[in-house]
Every structure is written in structure tokens, then in C-alpha cells.
Amino acid sequence: MKVIELHNVSKRFHRHVGQILLRNHLTRLLAGRKEKFFYALKHISFDVEQGESVALIGRNGAGKSTLLGLVAGVLQPDEGTVAVRGRVAPLLELGAGFHPDLTGRENARLKTALLGMSRKEADLAFDSIVEFSGIRDFINEPLRTYSSGMVMRLGFSVAIHCDPEVLLIDEILSVGDAGFQAKCFDKIKSFRRAGKSILCASHTSIVQELCDRALWFDQGELILNGPIAEVAAAYAEQQAAPA
């Protein structure tokens, strides 16, 4: 069964040079001047099967994070369709949805609701969330007293406990200290063994260990779709070639 399907998807953003005041924006609209756009993604089509782990490879600005945002539902395509089946755990902006004046406990509860967990599911998972995060001594303190690492620990722990069918990963495996990183990596690998689907943008060495297949992106275009070893080798060769 396909859990992710993208068909002819494009996403564009306004190209701004410096800051544009509202009055200047309105003046341009009234004058009939066309807005300038750039395409973060251009006519992308692929799918991900249930239980499949797929890597996104490419330089910064290639379109990987935009694609993950589309699959997570935080962005909408300008062209084409994105279909996702099942609950998604986006390990993207781990502090998103948190409020600094709420306690860690309150923020964890809020985040579980945002990820689609019922109150019963959240109650059952709460102790495991706190234990995994390693911040039990601070769980009743306001988030503004947390370090950035503690916020990321809590965000990761909540997301990983929502029992997703699809896990989205975007360069977050540097969260916390080495011990916590190893624990996160082991948890992600356990999801793979359980037959969950993973879409991952991270360092090549990490995705080669986690993924079976890779998609190579460059300037918003899908360059190559195939086995992880073949795509990684082709990408490395292109990167090593003289400019």
C-alpha cells in the first residue's frame, strides 16, 4: 500500500530582495507589476510504500525541506497533488507548537493533541514521553527556563510516541548529547523494524544506514530515484567533480 503519493507537485515562493513594506507591495500590485517567484520544487512525482524508508539527498536549497513540509501538511502545493495515508510524525521543527509560558507538561499535552493523539492515547504515553526525554526533574517548569536542547528533547520525545505510520526526519539527529542521539537513532531504527515508513533528509552516512531508496534533488528538480547505494554514489561523484 502506498502511504505517500506525490503527482506532478510544484511549490513556488516569492523572491524578495530585501525588506518590502506593505505600501510598496500594494503599489506594485496596483501598478500591475508581476511578482517574481522561484520554484523550490518543480513537477515532482514519486510514491512511498508502507514499510519503505526513503532518503532525500541534495545540497542545501535543493528542495528537501520544502518537500517534507508538503508531506507534513504545513505547506500546500501550487501545482499537483500530495496524498498521505495514516498519522504522520514530523521530526522537523521540534519546538513548533510549544509556548514558552506553559510548563513542559502542558506543552507535551498540547503537542500530543496537535499530532492527532486522543486524550486516552496521550495519558497512556505520557510517562514514556517524559522518561525518554530525560527532563523529568523539569517537566513542571515553564518552557522559557529550558535550554534549546531540552526543548528539542521534549519535542522529539512527543513526536516519536504518537505511534505514526509515517516518520518525517529533517536534519534533527544532532539533538542533545551523544547518548541521547544514540537513543533517538535506535528509536528510529525500531520504527523501521516495525514496518513504519520513513522519509529522511540528513547526512549521507546516516541515510545510508536508515534507508533503502534515495531521491536526489537539485534546484527543486528530481535528478535520480533509485537504490540508496547507487544514488549516493552518483551524488558523491557529482559533488567531487570540478566546477
C-alpha atoms as a PDB file:
ATOM      1  CA  MET A   1       0.000   0.000   0.000  1.00  0.00           C
ATOM      2  CA  LYS A   2       1.234   3.474  -0.857  1.00  0.00           C
ATOM      3  CA  VAL A   3       1.376   5.748   2.190  1.00  0.00           C
ATOM      4  CA  ILE A   4       2.794   8.812   0.367  1.00  0.00           C
ATOM      5  CA  GLU A   5       1.961   9.826  -3.212  1.00  0.00           C
ATOM      6  CA  LEU A   6       3.107  12.977  -4.983  1.00  0.00           C
ATOM      7  CA  HIS A   7       1.922  13.646  -8.521  1.00  0.00           C
ATOM      8  CA  ASN A   8       3.380  16.492 -10.596  1.00  0.00           C
ATOM      9  CA  VAL A   9       3.957  18.644  -7.497  1.00  0.00           C
ATOM     10  CA  SER A  10       5.420  22.134  -7.740  1.00  0.00           C
ATOM     11  CA  LYS A  11       5.928  24.697  -4.985  1.00  0.00           C
ATOM     12  CA  ARG A  12       6.982  28.281  -5.533  1.00  0.00           C
ATOM     13  CA  PHE A  13       7.790  31.182  -3.245  1.00  0.00           C
ATOM     14  CA  HIS A  14       8.031  34.934  -3.721  1.00  0.00           C
ATOM     15  CA  ARG A  15      11.520  36.158  -4.441  1.00  0.00           C
ATOM     16  CA  HIS A  16      12.177  39.242  -2.310  1.00  0.00           C
ATOM     17  CA  VAL A  17      15.269  41.398  -2.479  1.00  0.00           C
ATOM     18  CA  GLY A  18      15.479  42.953   0.947  1.00  0.00           C
ATOM     19  CA  GLN A  19      12.518  44.022   3.044  1.00  0.00           C
ATOM     20  CA  ILE A  20       9.320  45.098   1.273  1.00  0.00           C
ATOM     21  CA  LEU A  21       6.974  47.432   3.130  1.00  0.00           C
ATOM     22  CA  LEU A  22       3.228  46.886   2.827  1.00  0.00           C
ATOM     23  CA  ARG A  23       2.745  50.187   0.970  1.00  0.00           C
ATOM     24  CA  ASN A  24       5.388  49.183  -1.570  1.00  0.00           C
ATOM     25  CA  HIS A  25       3.760  45.787  -2.045  1.00  0.00           C
ATOM     26  CA  LEU A  26       0.364  47.444  -2.620  1.00  0.00           C
ATOM     27  CA  THR A  27       1.915  49.918  -5.051  1.00  0.00           C
ATOM     28  CA  ARG A  28       3.383  47.081  -7.101  1.00  0.00           C
ATOM     29  CA  LEU A  29       0.030  45.282  -7.167  1.00  0.00           C
ATOM     30  CA  LEU A  30      -1.891  48.409  -8.207  1.00  0.00           C
ATOM     31  CA  ALA A  31       0.674  49.142 -10.896  1.00  0.00           C
ATOM     32  CA  GLY A  32       0.157  45.678 -12.317  1.00  0.00           C
ATOM     33  CA  ARG A  33       3.746  44.623 -11.828  1.00  0.00           C
ATOM     34  CA  LYS A  34       4.254  40.867 -11.790  1.00  0.00           C
ATOM     35  CA  GLU A  35       5.620  39.272  -8.654  1.00  0.00           C
ATOM     36  CA  LYS A  36       8.877  37.368  -9.074  1.00  0.00           C
ATOM     37  CA  PHE A  37       8.860  33.735  -7.996  1.00  0.00           C
ATOM     38  CA  PHE A  38      11.334  30.941  -7.639  1.00  0.00           C
ATOM     39  CA  TYR A  39      10.438  27.270  -7.677  1.00  0.00           C
ATOM     40  CA  ALA A  40      11.541  25.274  -4.639  1.00  0.00           C
ATOM     41  CA  LEU A  41      10.120  22.139  -6.301  1.00  0.00           C
ATOM     42  CA  LYS A  42       9.315  21.541  -9.969  1.00  0.00           C
ATOM     43  CA  HIS A  43       6.934  18.828 -11.192  1.00  0.00           C
ATOM     44  CA  ILE A  44       7.874  16.174  -8.638  1.00  0.00           C
ATOM     45  CA  SER A  45       6.251  12.718  -8.768  1.00  0.00           C
ATOM     46  CA  PHE A  46       7.072   9.699  -6.583  1.00  0.00           C
ATOM     47  CA  ASP A  47       5.487   7.423  -4.007  1.00  0.00           C
ATOM     48  CA  VAL A  48       6.498   5.632  -0.818  1.00  0.00           C
ATOM     49  CA  GLU A  49       5.204   2.165   0.054  1.00  0.00           C
ATOM     50  CA  GLN A  50       4.212   1.085   3.548  1.00  0.00           C
ATOM     51  CA  GLY A  51       7.330  -0.001   5.431  1.00  0.00           C
ATOM     52  CA  GLU A  52       9.710   1.678   2.987  1.00  0.00           C
ATOM     53  CA  SER A  53      12.499   4.018   4.116  1.00  0.00           C
ATOM     54  CA  VAL A  54      13.392   6.714   1.582  1.00  0.00           C
ATOM     55  CA  ALA A  55      16.226   9.258   1.769  1.00  0.00           C
ATOM     56  CA  LEU A  56      16.203  12.771   0.338  1.00  0.00           C
ATOM     57  CA  ILE A  57      19.665  13.733  -0.917  1.00  0.00           C
ATOM     58  CA  GLY A  58      20.902  17.069  -2.229  1.00  0.00           C
ATOM     59  CA  ARG A  59      22.679  20.275  -1.374  1.00  0.00           C
ATOM     60  CA  ASN A  60      21.186  22.979   0.852  1.00  0.00           C
ATOM     61  CA  GLY A  61      18.391  24.695  -1.043  1.00  0.00           C
ATOM     62  CA  ALA A  62      17.691  21.669  -3.241  1.00  0.00           C
ATOM     63  CA  GLY A  63      14.063  21.443  -2.050  1.00  0.00           C
ATOM     64  CA  LYS A  64      14.280  18.667   0.566  1.00  0.00           C
ATOM     65  CA  SER A  65      12.797  20.621   3.489  1.00  0.00           C
ATOM     66  CA  THR A  66      10.054  22.041   1.274  1.00  0.00           C
ATOM     67  CA  LEU A  67       9.105  18.524   0.222  1.00  0.00           C
ATOM     68  CA  LEU A  68       8.946  17.370   3.848  1.00  0.00           C
ATOM     69  CA  GLY A  69       6.782  20.380   4.676  1.00  0.00           C
ATOM     70  CA  LEU A  70       4.349  19.403   1.917  1.00  0.00           C
ATOM     71  CA  VAL A  71       4.124  15.815   3.172  1.00  0.00           C
ATOM     72  CA  ALA A  72       3.667  17.063   6.751  1.00  0.00           C
ATOM     73  CA  GLY A  73       0.815  19.311   5.610  1.00  0.00           C
ATOM     74  CA  VAL A  74       2.377  22.559   6.803  1.00  0.00           C
ATOM     75  CA  LEU A  75       2.741  23.671   3.168  1.00  0.00           C
ATOM     76  CA  GLN A  76       0.345  23.305   0.243  1.00  0.00           C
ATOM     77  CA  PRO A  77       1.453  22.658  -3.351  1.00  0.00           C
ATOM     78  CA  ASP A  78       0.906  25.293  -6.029  1.00  0.00           C
ATOM     79  CA  GLU A  79       0.519  22.537  -8.607  1.00  0.00           C
ATOM     80  CA  GLY A  80      -0.125  18.815  -8.377  1.00  0.00           C
ATOM     81  CA  THR A  81      -1.363  16.647  -5.530  1.00  0.00           C
ATOM     82  CA  VAL A  82       0.077  15.262  -2.281  1.00  0.00           C
ATOM     83  CA  ALA A  83      -1.651  12.288  -0.631  1.00  0.00           C
ATOM     84  CA  VAL A  84      -0.610  10.865   2.743  1.00  0.00           C
ATOM     85  CA  ARG A  85      -2.296   7.915   4.461  1.00  0.00           C
ATOM     86  CA  GLY A  86      -2.008   7.443   8.211  1.00  0.00           C
ATOM     87  CA  ARG A  87      -0.710   9.502  11.107  1.00  0.00           C
ATOM     88  CA  VAL A  88       2.459  11.493  10.413  1.00  0.00           C
ATOM     89  CA  ALA A  89       5.155  12.328  12.972  1.00  0.00           C
ATOM     90  CA  PRO A  90       7.146  15.283  11.620  1.00  0.00           C
ATOM     91  CA  LEU A  91      10.586  15.463  13.249  1.00  0.00           C
ATOM     92  CA  LEU A  92      11.186  18.840  11.623  1.00  0.00           C
ATOM     93  CA  GLU A  93      10.940  21.958  13.795  1.00  0.00           C
ATOM     94  CA  LEU A  94      10.905  20.171  17.145  1.00  0.00           C
ATOM     95  CA  GLY A  95       9.905  23.232  19.148  1.00  0.00           C
ATOM     96  CA  ALA A  96       6.999  24.168  16.863  1.00  0.00           C
ATOM     97  CA  GLY A  97       3.684  24.407  18.700  1.00  0.00           C
ATOM     98  CA  PHE A  98       5.310  24.943  22.101  1.00  0.00           C
ATOM     99  CA  HIS A  99       4.576  28.024  24.229  1.00  0.00           C
ATOM    100  CA  PRO A 100       7.319  29.458  26.477  1.00  0.00           C
ATOM    101  CA  ASP A 101       4.929  30.351  29.339  1.00  0.00           C
ATOM    102  CA  LEU A 102       3.465  26.842  29.591  1.00  0.00           C
ATOM    103  CA  THR A 103       5.201  24.097  31.540  1.00  0.00           C
ATOM    104  CA  GLY A 104       6.868  21.154  29.868  1.00  0.00           C
ATOM    105  CA  ARG A 105       3.929  19.002  30.970  1.00  0.00           C
ATOM    106  CA  GLU A 106       1.388  21.411  29.457  1.00  0.00           C
ATOM    107  CA  ASN A 107       3.382  21.744  26.243  1.00  0.00           C
ATOM    108  CA  ALA A 108       3.682  17.964  25.910  1.00  0.00           C
ATOM    109  CA  ARG A 109      -0.098  17.649  26.278  1.00  0.00           C
ATOM    110  CA  LEU A 110      -0.639  20.376  23.704  1.00  0.00           C
ATOM    111  CA  LYS A 111       1.785  18.771  21.255  1.00  0.00           C
ATOM    112  CA  THR A 112       0.116  15.358  21.527  1.00  0.00           C
ATOM    113  CA  ALA A 113      -3.200  16.967  20.592  1.00  0.00           C
ATOM    114  CA  LEU A 114      -1.609  18.767  17.621  1.00  0.00           C
ATOM    115  CA  LEU A 115      -0.217  15.416  16.428  1.00  0.00           C
ATOM    116  CA  GLY A 116      -3.679  13.857  16.499  1.00  0.00           C
ATOM    117  CA  MET A 117      -3.437  11.783  19.665  1.00  0.00           C
ATOM    118  CA  SER A 118      -6.577  11.275  21.713  1.00  0.00           C
ATOM    119  CA  ARG A 119      -6.576  12.165  25.409  1.00  0.00           C
ATOM    120  CA  LYS A 120      -6.521   8.453  26.282  1.00  0.00           C
ATOM    121  CA  GLU A 121      -3.532   7.839  23.979  1.00  0.00           C
ATOM    122  CA  ALA A 122      -1.717  10.836  25.466  1.00  0.00           C
ATOM    123  CA  ASP A 123      -2.401   9.651  29.038  1.00  0.00           C
ATOM    124  CA  LEU A 124      -1.010   6.194  28.271  1.00  0.00           C
ATOM    125  CA  ALA A 125       2.088   7.594  26.549  1.00  0.00           C
ATOM    126  CA  PHE A 126       2.863  10.479  28.911  1.00  0.00           C
ATOM    127  CA  ASP A 127       5.195   8.700  31.342  1.00  0.00           C
ATOM    128  CA  SER A 128       7.139   7.167  28.451  1.00  0.00           C
ATOM    129  CA  ILE A 129       7.413  10.598  26.790  1.00  0.00           C
ATOM    130  CA  VAL A 130       8.867  12.140  29.939  1.00  0.00           C
ATOM    131  CA  GLU A 131      11.191   9.200  30.598  1.00  0.00           C
ATOM    132  CA  PHE A 132      12.544   9.199  27.047  1.00  0.00           C
ATOM    133  CA  SER A 133      13.115  12.968  27.077  1.00  0.00           C
ATOM    134  CA  GLY A 134      15.238  12.763  30.240  1.00  0.00           C
ATOM    135  CA  ILE A 135      13.830  16.004  31.652  1.00  0.00           C
ATOM    136  CA  ARG A 136      11.545  14.619  34.383  1.00  0.00           C
ATOM    137  CA  ASP A 137      13.005  16.978  37.014  1.00  0.00           C
ATOM    138  CA  PHE A 138      11.958  19.990  34.907  1.00  0.00           C
ATOM    139  CA  ILE A 139       8.652  18.799  33.440  1.00  0.00           C
ATOM    140  CA  ASN A 140       6.597  21.148  35.660  1.00  0.00           C
ATOM    141  CA  GLU A 141       8.797  24.187  34.953  1.00  0.00           C
ATOM    142  CA  PRO A 142       7.866  26.777  32.284  1.00  0.00           C
ATOM    143  CA  LEU A 143       9.448  26.160  28.911  1.00  0.00           C
ATOM    144  CA  ARG A 144      11.192  29.561  28.947  1.00  0.00           C
ATOM    145  CA  THR A 145      13.533  28.135  31.608  1.00  0.00           C
ATOM    146  CA  TYR A 146      14.577  25.243  29.330  1.00  0.00           C
ATOM    147  CA  SER A 147      17.713  25.185  27.236  1.00  0.00           C
ATOM    148  CA  SER A 148      17.250  24.756  23.488  1.00  0.00           C
ATOM    149  CA  GLY A 149      18.495  21.170  23.847  1.00  0.00           C
ATOM    150  CA  MET A 150      15.829  20.383  26.449  1.00  0.00           C
ATOM    151  CA  VAL A 151      13.108  21.805  24.201  1.00  0.00           C
ATOM    152  CA  MET A 152      14.311  19.632  21.316  1.00  0.00           C
ATOM    153  CA  ARG A 153      14.437  16.558  23.571  1.00  0.00           C
ATOM    154  CA  LEU A 154      10.824  17.089  24.609  1.00  0.00           C
ATOM    155  CA  GLY A 155       9.687  17.777  21.045  1.00  0.00           C
ATOM    156  CA  PHE A 156      11.396  14.653  19.723  1.00  0.00           C
ATOM    157  CA  SER A 157      10.022  12.500  22.516  1.00  0.00           C
ATOM    158  CA  VAL A 158       6.431  13.633  21.975  1.00  0.00           C
ATOM    159  CA  ALA A 159       6.607  13.129  18.200  1.00  0.00           C
ATOM    160  CA  ILE A 160       8.180   9.691  18.432  1.00  0.00           C
ATOM    161  CA  HIS A 161       5.475   8.477  20.846  1.00  0.00           C
ATOM    162  CA  CYS A 162       2.442   9.370  18.693  1.00  0.00           C
ATOM    163  CA  ASP A 163       2.531   5.914  17.024  1.00  0.00           C
ATOM    164  CA  PRO A 164       2.822   7.247  13.453  1.00  0.00           C
ATOM    165  CA  GLU A 165       2.546   5.353  10.206  1.00  0.00           C
ATOM    166  CA  VAL A 166       4.941   7.852   8.590  1.00  0.00           C
ATOM    167  CA  LEU A 167       8.048   9.393  10.146  1.00  0.00           C
ATOM    168  CA  LEU A 168       9.492  12.576   8.587  1.00  0.00           C
ATOM    169  CA  ILE A 169      13.064  13.463   9.538  1.00  0.00           C
ATOM    170  CA  ASP A 170      14.888  16.683   8.650  1.00  0.00           C
ATOM    171  CA  GLU A 171      18.448  17.052   9.976  1.00  0.00           C
ATOM    172  CA  ILE A 172      17.437  16.600  13.618  1.00  0.00           C
ATOM    173  CA  LEU A 173      19.654  13.716  14.661  1.00  0.00           C
ATOM    174  CA  SER A 174      22.111  16.165  16.260  1.00  0.00           C
ATOM    175  CA  VAL A 175      19.597  16.810  19.064  1.00  0.00           C
ATOM    176  CA  GLY A 176      21.027  16.569  22.583  1.00  0.00           C
ATOM    177  CA  ASP A 177      24.240  14.890  23.703  1.00  0.00           C
ATOM    178  CA  ALA A 178      25.822  11.792  22.177  1.00  0.00           C
ATOM    179  CA  GLY A 179      23.910   9.448  24.479  1.00  0.00           C
ATOM    180  CA  PHE A 180      20.560  10.961  23.592  1.00  0.00           C
ATOM    181  CA  GLN A 181      21.445  10.998  19.881  1.00  0.00           C
ATOM    182  CA  ALA A 182      22.154   7.261  20.034  1.00  0.00           C
ATOM    183  CA  LYS A 183      18.837   6.673  21.802  1.00  0.00           C
ATOM    184  CA  CYS A 184      16.993   8.668  19.128  1.00  0.00           C
ATOM    185  CA  PHE A 185      18.712   6.738  16.360  1.00  0.00           C
ATOM    186  CA  ASP A 186      17.835   3.401  17.977  1.00  0.00           C
ATOM    187  CA  LYS A 187      14.207   4.506  18.309  1.00  0.00           C
ATOM    188  CA  ILE A 188      14.029   5.448  14.630  1.00  0.00           C
ATOM    189  CA  LYS A 189      15.524   2.089  13.648  1.00  0.00           C
ATOM    190  CA  SER A 190      12.910   0.333  15.794  1.00  0.00           C
ATOM    191  CA  PHE A 191      10.207   2.134  13.794  1.00  0.00           C
ATOM    192  CA  ARG A 192      11.747   0.792  10.626  1.00  0.00           C
ATOM    193  CA  ARG A 193      11.791  -2.758  12.017  1.00  0.00           C
ATOM    194  CA  ALA A 194       8.117  -2.337  12.953  1.00  0.00           C
ATOM    195  CA  GLY A 195       7.213  -1.680   9.314  1.00  0.00           C
ATOM    196  CA  LYS A 196       6.702   2.074   9.557  1.00  0.00           C
ATOM    197  CA  SER A 197       7.526   4.324   6.596  1.00  0.00           C
ATOM    198  CA  ILE A 198      10.346   6.864   6.842  1.00  0.00           C
ATOM    199  CA  LEU A 199      11.146   9.893   4.682  1.00  0.00           C
ATOM    200  CA  CYS A 200      14.511  11.255   5.772  1.00  0.00           C
ATOM    201  CA  ALA A 201      16.709  14.213   4.838  1.00  0.00           C
ATOM    202  CA  SER A 202      20.016  14.024   6.689  1.00  0.00           C
ATOM    203  CA  HIS A 203      23.733  13.416   6.204  1.00  0.00           C
ATOM    204  CA  THR A 204      24.548  10.786   3.589  1.00  0.00           C
ATOM    205  CA  SER A 205      26.170   8.419   6.103  1.00  0.00           C
ATOM    206  CA  ILE A 206      23.031   8.458   8.276  1.00  0.00           C
ATOM    207  CA  VAL A 207      20.516   7.923   5.471  1.00  0.00           C
ATOM    208  CA  GLN A 208      22.587   5.077   4.051  1.00  0.00           C
ATOM    209  CA  GLU A 209      22.142   3.260   7.349  1.00  0.00           C
ATOM    210  CA  LEU A 210      18.433   4.061   7.643  1.00  0.00           C
ATOM    211  CA  CYS A 211      17.107   3.924   4.079  1.00  0.00           C
ATOM    212  CA  ASP A 212      16.672   1.513   1.168  1.00  0.00           C
ATOM    213  CA  ARG A 213      15.979   4.044  -1.588  1.00  0.00           C
ATOM    214  CA  ALA A 214      17.006   7.624  -2.273  1.00  0.00           C
ATOM    215  CA  LEU A 215      15.733  10.629  -4.197  1.00  0.00           C
ATOM    216  CA  TRP A 216      18.389  13.096  -5.357  1.00  0.00           C
ATOM    217  CA  PHE A 217      17.186  16.693  -5.699  1.00  0.00           C
ATOM    218  CA  ASP A 218      18.951  19.643  -7.276  1.00  0.00           C
ATOM    219  CA  GLN A 219      17.445  23.136  -7.599  1.00  0.00           C
ATOM    220  CA  GLY A 220      13.950  21.768  -7.000  1.00  0.00           C
ATOM    221  CA  GLU A 221      14.155  19.009  -9.594  1.00  0.00           C
ATOM    222  CA  LEU A 222      14.251  15.254  -9.030  1.00  0.00           C
ATOM    223  CA  ILE A 223      17.510  14.110 -10.626  1.00  0.00           C
ATOM    224  CA  LEU A 224      17.588  10.426  -9.699  1.00  0.00           C
ATOM    225  CA  ASN A 225      15.321   7.909  -7.928  1.00  0.00           C
ATOM    226  CA  GLY A 226      16.783   4.511  -7.078  1.00  0.00           C
ATOM    227  CA  PRO A 227      18.597   2.248  -4.595  1.00  0.00           C
ATOM    228  CA  ILE A 228      20.346   4.225  -1.859  1.00  0.00           C
ATOM    229  CA  ALA A 229      23.863   2.997  -2.739  1.00  0.00           C
ATOM    230  CA  GLU A 230      23.520   3.929  -6.411  1.00  0.00           C
ATOM    231  CA  VAL A 231      22.022   7.367  -5.791  1.00  0.00           C
ATOM    232  CA  ALA A 232      24.523   8.215  -3.023  1.00  0.00           C
ATOM    233  CA  ALA A 233      27.423   7.203  -5.279  1.00  0.00           C
ATOM    234  CA  ALA A 234      26.113   9.302  -8.182  1.00  0.00           C
ATOM    235  CA  TYR A 235      25.620  12.299  -5.897  1.00  0.00           C
ATOM    236  CA  ALA A 236      29.118  11.930  -4.396  1.00  0.00           C
ATOM    237  CA  GLU A 237      30.627  11.741  -7.885  1.00  0.00           C
ATOM    238  CA  GLN A 238      28.816  14.903  -8.944  1.00  0.00           C
ATOM    239  CA  GLN A 239      29.951  16.704  -5.784  1.00  0.00           C
ATOM    240  CA  ALA A 240      33.554  15.689  -6.359  1.00  0.00           C
ATOM    241  CA  ALA A 241      33.580  16.820  -9.985  1.00  0.00           C
ATOM    242  CA  PRO A 242      35.355  20.149 -10.662  1.00  0.00           C
ATOM    243  CA  ALA A 243      33.057  23.127 -11.113  1.00  0.00           C
END
